[in-house]
Amino acid sequence: MYDLTAHPMDDSLWQLIAYCAGTGGSMLVIGSAAGVALMGLEKVDFLWYAKRISLPAAAGYLAGIGAYAATHLPL
């Protein structure tokens, strides 16, 4: 998919992909072990989470991508 000669293993593209995969998957309450534990221990309903937490979590996620792009990716 991506040639390692064009994008070596320590390239900023791979760091961004790792950020997106790790944080994006954990953004959903059911996408991480911590989210599942939160739902079980604190009795948090998925719809409550989706209504109240999803938009701020998505905004933080996108802000993180923007900050990473501003500091690491060539313009």
N, C-alpha and C. Protein backbone atom coordinates (compact mmCIF):
# COMPACT_ATOMS: atom_id res chain seq x y z
N MET A 1 0.82 -1.18 0.00
CA MET A 1 0.00 0.00 0.00
C MET A 1 0.87 1.25 0.00
N TYR A 2 1.76 1.39 0.95
CA TYR A 2 2.72 2.49 0.99
C TYR A 2 4.11 1.91 0.88
N ASP A 3 4.89 2.45 -0.02
CA ASP A 3 6.24 1.97 -0.24
C ASP A 3 7.14 2.43 0.91
N LEU A 4 7.89 1.51 1.50
CA LEU A 4 8.76 1.86 2.62
C LEU A 4 9.95 2.72 2.20
N THR A 5 10.23 2.78 0.91
CA THR A 5 11.29 3.70 0.49
C THR A 5 10.77 5.14 0.46
N ALA A 6 9.50 5.31 0.16
CA ALA A 6 8.91 6.65 0.16
C ALA A 6 8.54 7.09 1.57
N HIS A 7 8.11 6.15 2.38
CA HIS A 7 7.71 6.42 3.77
C HIS A 7 8.42 5.43 4.69
N PRO A 8 9.64 5.76 5.17
CA PRO A 8 10.36 4.84 6.05
C PRO A 8 9.57 4.56 7.33
N MET A 9 10.02 3.57 8.08
CA MET A 9 9.25 3.12 9.24
C MET A 9 9.09 4.20 10.31
N ASP A 10 9.97 5.16 10.40
CA ASP A 10 9.84 6.21 11.40
C ASP A 10 9.24 7.50 10.82
N ASP A 11 8.61 7.40 9.68
CA ASP A 11 8.02 8.56 9.01
C ASP A 11 6.80 9.06 9.80
N SER A 12 6.52 10.34 9.67
CA SER A 12 5.41 10.94 10.41
C SER A 12 4.07 10.37 9.95
N LEU A 13 3.98 9.85 8.74
CA LEU A 13 2.74 9.22 8.28
C LEU A 13 2.35 8.05 9.17
N TRP A 14 3.32 7.21 9.53
CA TRP A 14 3.03 6.03 10.35
C TRP A 14 2.64 6.45 11.77
N GLN A 15 3.24 7.51 12.27
CA GLN A 15 2.86 8.01 13.59
C GLN A 15 1.42 8.51 13.58
N LEU A 16 1.04 9.19 12.52
CA LEU A 16 -0.34 9.68 12.41
C LEU A 16 -1.31 8.52 12.27
N ILE A 17 -0.96 7.50 11.51
CA ILE A 17 -1.82 6.33 11.37
C ILE A 17 -2.00 5.63 12.72
N ALA A 18 -0.91 5.53 13.49
CA ALA A 18 -1.00 4.91 14.81
C ALA A 18 -1.89 5.73 15.74
N TYR A 19 -1.76 7.06 15.69
CA TYR A 19 -2.62 7.92 16.49
C TYR A 19 -4.09 7.71 16.12
N CYS A 20 -4.36 7.72 14.83
CA CYS A 20 -5.75 7.58 14.37
C CYS A 20 -6.33 6.23 14.75
N ALA A 21 -5.56 5.17 14.59
CA ALA A 21 -6.07 3.84 14.92
C ALA A 21 -6.25 3.67 16.42
N GLY A 22 -5.28 4.10 17.20
CA GLY A 22 -5.38 3.92 18.65
C GLY A 22 -6.42 4.79 19.30
N THR A 23 -6.41 6.06 18.98
CA THR A 23 -7.35 6.99 19.60
C THR A 23 -8.74 6.86 19.01
N GLY A 24 -8.81 6.69 17.71
CA GLY A 24 -10.12 6.55 17.06
C GLY A 24 -10.88 5.33 17.54
N GLY A 25 -10.18 4.23 17.74
CA GLY A 25 -10.84 3.03 18.24
C GLY A 25 -11.29 3.16 19.68
N SER A 26 -10.55 3.93 20.46
CA SER A 26 -10.90 4.11 21.86
C SER A 26 -11.93 5.21 22.07
N MET A 27 -12.22 5.98 21.04
CA MET A 27 -13.19 7.06 21.17
C MET A 27 -14.59 6.51 21.47
N LEU A 28 -14.90 5.37 20.91
CA LEU A 28 -16.16 4.73 21.23
C LEU A 28 -16.04 4.04 22.58
N VAL A 29 -17.05 4.14 23.39
CA VAL A 29 -17.00 3.55 24.71
C VAL A 29 -16.86 2.03 24.62
N ILE A 30 -17.36 1.43 23.55
CA ILE A 30 -17.27 -0.02 23.41
C ILE A 30 -16.01 -0.44 22.67
N GLY A 31 -15.15 0.54 22.29
CA GLY A 31 -13.95 0.23 21.52
C GLY A 31 -12.72 -0.02 22.36
N SER A 32 -12.85 0.04 23.68
CA SER A 32 -11.68 -0.18 24.53
C SER A 32 -12.10 -0.90 25.80
N ALA A 33 -11.12 -1.54 26.43
CA ALA A 33 -11.40 -2.22 27.69
C ALA A 33 -11.81 -1.23 28.77
N ALA A 34 -11.23 -0.04 28.75
CA ALA A 34 -11.60 0.98 29.74
C ALA A 34 -13.05 1.41 29.55
N GLY A 35 -13.48 1.53 28.32
CA GLY A 35 -14.87 1.89 28.06
C GLY A 35 -15.84 0.82 28.51
N VAL A 36 -15.51 -0.41 28.27
CA VAL A 36 -16.36 -1.52 28.72
C VAL A 36 -16.40 -1.55 30.24
N ALA A 37 -15.26 -1.32 30.90
CA ALA A 37 -15.24 -1.27 32.36
C ALA A 37 -16.08 -0.11 32.88
N LEU A 38 -16.01 1.05 32.22
CA LEU A 38 -16.82 2.20 32.60
C LEU A 38 -18.30 1.86 32.52
N MET A 39 -18.69 1.21 31.44
CA MET A 39 -20.09 0.85 31.28
C MET A 39 -20.54 -0.13 32.36
N GLY A 40 -19.66 -1.06 32.72
CA GLY A 40 -20.02 -2.06 33.72
C GLY A 40 -20.01 -1.53 35.14
N LEU A 41 -18.96 -0.81 35.50
CA LEU A 41 -18.82 -0.36 36.90
C LEU A 41 -19.70 0.85 37.22
N GLU A 42 -19.79 1.78 36.30
CA GLU A 42 -20.53 3.01 36.56
C GLU A 42 -21.94 2.98 35.98
N LYS A 43 -22.30 1.88 35.35
CA LYS A 43 -23.63 1.71 34.74
C LYS A 43 -23.94 2.80 33.73
N VAL A 44 -22.95 3.13 32.90
CA VAL A 44 -23.12 4.12 31.84
C VAL A 44 -23.78 3.44 30.65
N ASP A 45 -24.87 4.01 30.19
CA ASP A 45 -25.59 3.49 29.04
C ASP A 45 -24.92 3.98 27.75
N PHE A 46 -24.92 3.17 26.72
CA PHE A 46 -24.28 3.56 25.46
C PHE A 46 -24.93 4.80 24.86
N LEU A 47 -26.26 4.89 24.91
CA LEU A 47 -26.93 6.05 24.33
C LEU A 47 -26.61 7.32 25.11
N TRP A 48 -26.47 7.22 26.43
CA TRP A 48 -26.06 8.38 27.22
C TRP A 48 -24.68 8.85 26.79
N TYR A 49 -23.77 7.90 26.62
CA TYR A 49 -22.42 8.22 26.18
C TYR A 49 -22.45 8.85 24.79
N ALA A 50 -23.23 8.28 23.89
CA ALA A 50 -23.28 8.78 22.53
C ALA A 50 -23.83 10.21 22.49
N LYS A 51 -24.80 10.50 23.31
CA LYS A 51 -25.40 11.84 23.31
C LYS A 51 -24.51 12.88 23.96
N ARG A 52 -23.86 12.54 25.07
CA ARG A 52 -23.16 13.54 25.87
C ARG A 52 -21.65 13.59 25.68
N ILE A 53 -21.04 12.51 25.27
CA ILE A 53 -19.57 12.44 25.25
C ILE A 53 -19.02 12.37 23.83
N SER A 54 -19.78 11.86 22.89
CA SER A 54 -19.24 11.61 21.55
C SER A 54 -18.76 12.88 20.85
N LEU A 55 -19.51 13.96 20.91
CA LEU A 55 -19.09 15.19 20.22
C LEU A 55 -17.84 15.80 20.84
N PRO A 56 -17.73 15.94 22.17
CA PRO A 56 -16.47 16.45 22.71
C PRO A 56 -15.29 15.51 22.44
N ALA A 57 -15.53 14.20 22.46
CA ALA A 57 -14.45 13.26 22.16
C ALA A 57 -14.00 13.39 20.71
N ALA A 58 -14.94 13.54 19.80
CA ALA A 58 -14.60 13.71 18.39
C ALA A 58 -13.86 15.03 18.16
N ALA A 59 -14.29 16.09 18.86
CA ALA A 59 -13.60 17.38 18.72
C ALA A 59 -12.16 17.29 19.22
N GLY A 60 -11.94 16.61 20.33
CA GLY A 60 -10.58 16.42 20.83
C GLY A 60 -9.74 15.58 19.89
N TYR A 61 -10.34 14.55 19.32
CA TYR A 61 -9.65 13.70 18.37
C TYR A 61 -9.21 14.50 17.14
N LEU A 62 -10.12 15.28 16.59
CA LEU A 62 -9.79 16.09 15.42
C LEU A 62 -8.79 17.19 15.76
N ALA A 63 -8.89 17.76 16.96
CA ALA A 63 -7.90 18.75 17.38
C ALA A 63 -6.52 18.12 17.50
N GLY A 64 -6.46 16.88 17.98
CA GLY A 64 -5.19 16.17 18.07
C GLY A 64 -4.58 15.91 16.70
N ILE A 65 -5.41 15.55 15.74
CA ILE A 65 -4.91 15.35 14.38
C ILE A 65 -4.41 16.67 13.82
N GLY A 66 -5.16 17.75 14.06
CA GLY A 66 -4.74 19.06 13.57
C GLY A 66 -3.43 19.51 14.19
N ALA A 67 -3.28 19.30 15.49
CA ALA A 67 -2.03 19.69 16.16
C ALA A 67 -0.86 18.85 15.66
N TYR A 68 -1.09 17.56 15.45
CA TYR A 68 -0.02 16.71 14.93
C TYR A 68 0.36 17.13 13.52
N ALA A 69 -0.64 17.40 12.69
CA ALA A 69 -0.36 17.79 11.32
C ALA A 69 0.38 19.13 11.27
N ALA A 70 0.02 20.04 12.15
CA ALA A 70 0.68 21.35 12.16
C ALA A 70 2.13 21.26 12.60
N THR A 71 2.47 20.29 13.42
CA THR A 71 3.84 20.19 13.93
C THR A 71 4.71 19.18 13.19
N HIS A 72 4.13 18.20 12.53
CA HIS A 72 4.92 17.13 11.93
C HIS A 72 4.86 17.00 10.43
N LEU A 73 3.74 17.32 9.83
CA LEU A 73 3.58 17.06 8.40
C LEU A 73 4.03 18.27 7.59
N PRO A 74 4.66 18.02 6.46
CA PRO A 74 5.09 19.15 5.61
C PRO A 74 3.86 19.81 4.98
N LEU A 75 3.95 21.10 4.83
CA LEU A 75 2.83 21.84 4.25
C LEU A 75 2.93 21.92 2.76
